[in-house]
Amino acid sequence: MRGLDEFVEKILEVYLQSVNILDVQEKNIIQVAISLSNKKIFELVTSKLTGRNAMFPSRLLYARENMMWSMNLHYNKKNTILHYAAKVTVNVEVAGALQMQKDLQWFEKVMKFMPMVLQYSRNVERMTTQDCF
């Protein structure tokens, strides 16, 4: 049985413009992949964002969260892709140092693709990505 990663890869292969589609929370494919910690989809998309033959627009990396839906109310958070990566996935006290190391590696991996102009930006809660991490 094929997984989600292969399904997304096939969609992008067949219909390249699907990279521009936003989900119901107005997130692009990079934002969704990072918020779900899906490293395979993140690597698939970023491999097509860089290099001489880039197939996807770099604006995907510059996207900031427009809306957050909660109980039918809109909240403008303005999180960057690095804010998504900064969210700790598990309780550090329970998981210990190994999970924290994995979270840090994920954060650093996403940071390599983060445009410099947005690296220290703050969301509406005035938090940098380092504050969130």
Protein backbone atom coordinates (compact mmCIF):
# COMPACT_ATOMS: atom_id res chain seq x y z
CA MET A 1 0.00 0.00 0.00
CA ARG A 2 1.33 3.42 -0.91
CA GLY A 3 1.46 6.21 1.64
CA LEU A 4 0.57 9.87 1.69
CA ASP A 5 4.07 10.87 0.57
CA GLU A 6 3.82 8.89 -2.66
CA PHE A 7 0.30 10.22 -3.28
CA VAL A 8 1.44 13.84 -2.92
CA GLU A 9 4.47 13.14 -5.11
CA LYS A 10 2.25 11.71 -7.86
CA ILE A 11 -0.15 14.68 -7.71
CA LEU A 12 2.76 17.13 -8.01
CA GLU A 13 4.21 15.11 -10.87
CA VAL A 14 0.95 15.03 -12.82
CA TYR A 15 -0.35 18.51 -11.95
CA LEU A 16 2.54 20.82 -11.11
CA GLN A 17 0.23 23.78 -10.44
CA SER A 18 -1.31 21.94 -7.46
CA VAL A 19 1.56 23.34 -5.40
CA ASN A 20 -0.38 26.64 -5.42
CA ILE A 21 -3.49 25.18 -3.80
CA LEU A 22 -4.20 26.22 -0.21
CA ASP A 23 -6.01 24.12 2.39
CA VAL A 24 -9.12 25.28 4.29
CA GLN A 25 -6.92 27.18 6.76
CA GLU A 26 -5.19 28.93 3.83
CA LYS A 27 -1.89 27.08 4.32
CA ASN A 28 0.30 26.07 1.41
CA ILE A 29 1.93 22.66 0.99
CA ILE A 30 5.13 23.66 2.83
CA GLN A 31 3.22 25.07 5.79
CA VAL A 32 1.11 21.91 6.07
CA ALA A 33 4.09 19.57 5.73
CA ILE A 34 6.01 21.42 8.44
CA SER A 35 3.07 21.74 10.82
CA LEU A 36 2.53 17.97 10.51
CA SER A 37 6.28 17.30 10.77
CA ASN A 38 6.14 15.39 7.49
CA LYS A 39 9.80 15.36 6.52
CA LYS A 40 9.33 13.41 3.28
CA ILE A 41 6.85 15.87 1.78
CA PHE A 42 8.95 18.79 3.03
CA GLU A 43 12.05 17.35 1.32
CA LEU A 44 10.09 16.57 -1.85
CA VAL A 45 8.85 20.14 -2.18
CA THR A 46 12.07 21.87 -1.11
CA SER A 47 14.06 19.78 -3.60
CA LYS A 48 11.95 21.40 -6.33
CA LEU A 49 12.27 24.90 -4.85
CA THR A 50 16.03 25.27 -5.11
CA GLY A 51 18.75 24.78 -7.65
CA ARG A 52 19.11 25.69 -11.30
CA ASN A 53 15.95 23.94 -12.40
CA ALA A 54 13.61 25.02 -9.64
CA MET A 55 10.07 23.95 -10.49
CA PHE A 56 8.17 25.55 -7.61
CA PRO A 57 8.01 29.23 -6.71
CA SER A 58 10.17 30.37 -3.79
CA ARG A 59 7.21 32.38 -2.49
CA LEU A 60 6.10 29.17 -0.75
CA LEU A 61 8.93 29.75 1.73
CA TYR A 62 7.91 33.37 2.31
CA ALA A 63 4.29 32.55 3.13
CA ARG A 64 2.99 33.70 6.48
CA GLU A 65 -0.07 32.26 8.09
CA ASN A 66 -3.10 34.34 7.17
CA MET A 67 -5.87 32.93 9.26
CA MET A 68 -6.30 30.54 12.12
CA TRP A 69 -9.77 29.06 12.45
CA SER A 70 -10.99 28.48 15.97
CA MET A 71 -14.65 28.24 16.96
CA ASN A 72 -15.64 30.11 13.77
CA LEU A 73 -13.45 33.10 14.66
CA HIS A 74 -10.52 34.35 12.62
CA TYR A 75 -7.21 35.00 14.30
CA ASN A 76 -4.40 36.54 12.32
CA LYS A 77 -1.27 34.80 13.67
CA LYS A 78 1.32 35.65 10.98
CA ASN A 79 3.43 32.58 11.74
CA THR A 80 6.25 31.74 9.33
CA ILE A 81 7.28 28.23 8.34
CA LEU A 82 9.91 28.38 11.07
CA HIS A 83 7.22 29.12 13.68
CA TYR A 84 5.56 25.85 12.64
CA ALA A 85 8.83 23.96 12.98
CA ALA A 86 9.44 25.51 16.40
CA LYS A 87 6.38 23.91 17.94
CA VAL A 88 7.50 21.10 20.22
CA THR A 89 5.80 17.89 19.17
CA VAL A 90 5.74 16.09 22.51
CA ASN A 91 6.06 16.75 26.20
CA VAL A 92 9.82 17.18 26.71
CA GLU A 93 9.66 16.07 30.33
CA VAL A 94 8.23 12.71 29.27
CA ALA A 95 10.19 12.13 26.06
CA GLY A 96 13.56 13.31 27.24
CA ALA A 97 16.62 14.46 25.42
CA LEU A 98 16.26 12.25 22.35
CA GLN A 99 12.96 13.83 21.29
CA MET A 100 14.31 17.28 22.01
CA GLN A 101 17.31 16.52 19.80
CA LYS A 102 14.98 15.41 16.97
CA ASP A 103 12.89 18.57 17.36
CA LEU A 104 16.05 20.71 17.23
CA GLN A 105 17.29 18.90 14.11
CA TRP A 106 13.90 19.45 12.41
CA PHE A 107 13.98 23.14 13.38
CA GLU A 108 17.51 23.53 11.97
CA LYS A 109 16.56 21.72 8.77
CA VAL A 110 13.65 24.09 8.15
CA MET A 111 15.82 27.08 9.10
CA LYS A 112 18.16 26.30 6.17
CA PHE A 113 15.31 27.10 3.80
CA MET A 114 13.96 30.07 5.71
CA PRO A 115 14.49 33.36 3.86
CA MET A 116 16.91 35.54 5.85
CA VAL A 117 14.50 38.46 5.82
CA LEU A 118 11.98 36.40 7.82
CA GLN A 119 14.35 34.49 10.10
CA TYR A 120 13.79 36.72 13.13
CA SER A 121 10.25 37.86 12.42
CA ARG A 122 7.66 37.88 15.13
CA ASN A 123 4.09 36.64 14.98
CA VAL A 124 1.17 38.63 16.38
CA GLU A 125 1.98 37.32 19.85
CA ARG A 126 5.36 39.11 19.42
CA MET A 127 7.19 35.77 19.54
CA THR A 128 10.19 34.93 17.41
CA THR A 129 10.72 31.37 16.27
CA GLN A 130 13.35 30.92 18.99
CA ASP A 131 10.78 32.07 21.58
CA CYS A 132 8.33 29.46 20.30
CA PHE A 133 10.91 26.68 20.38
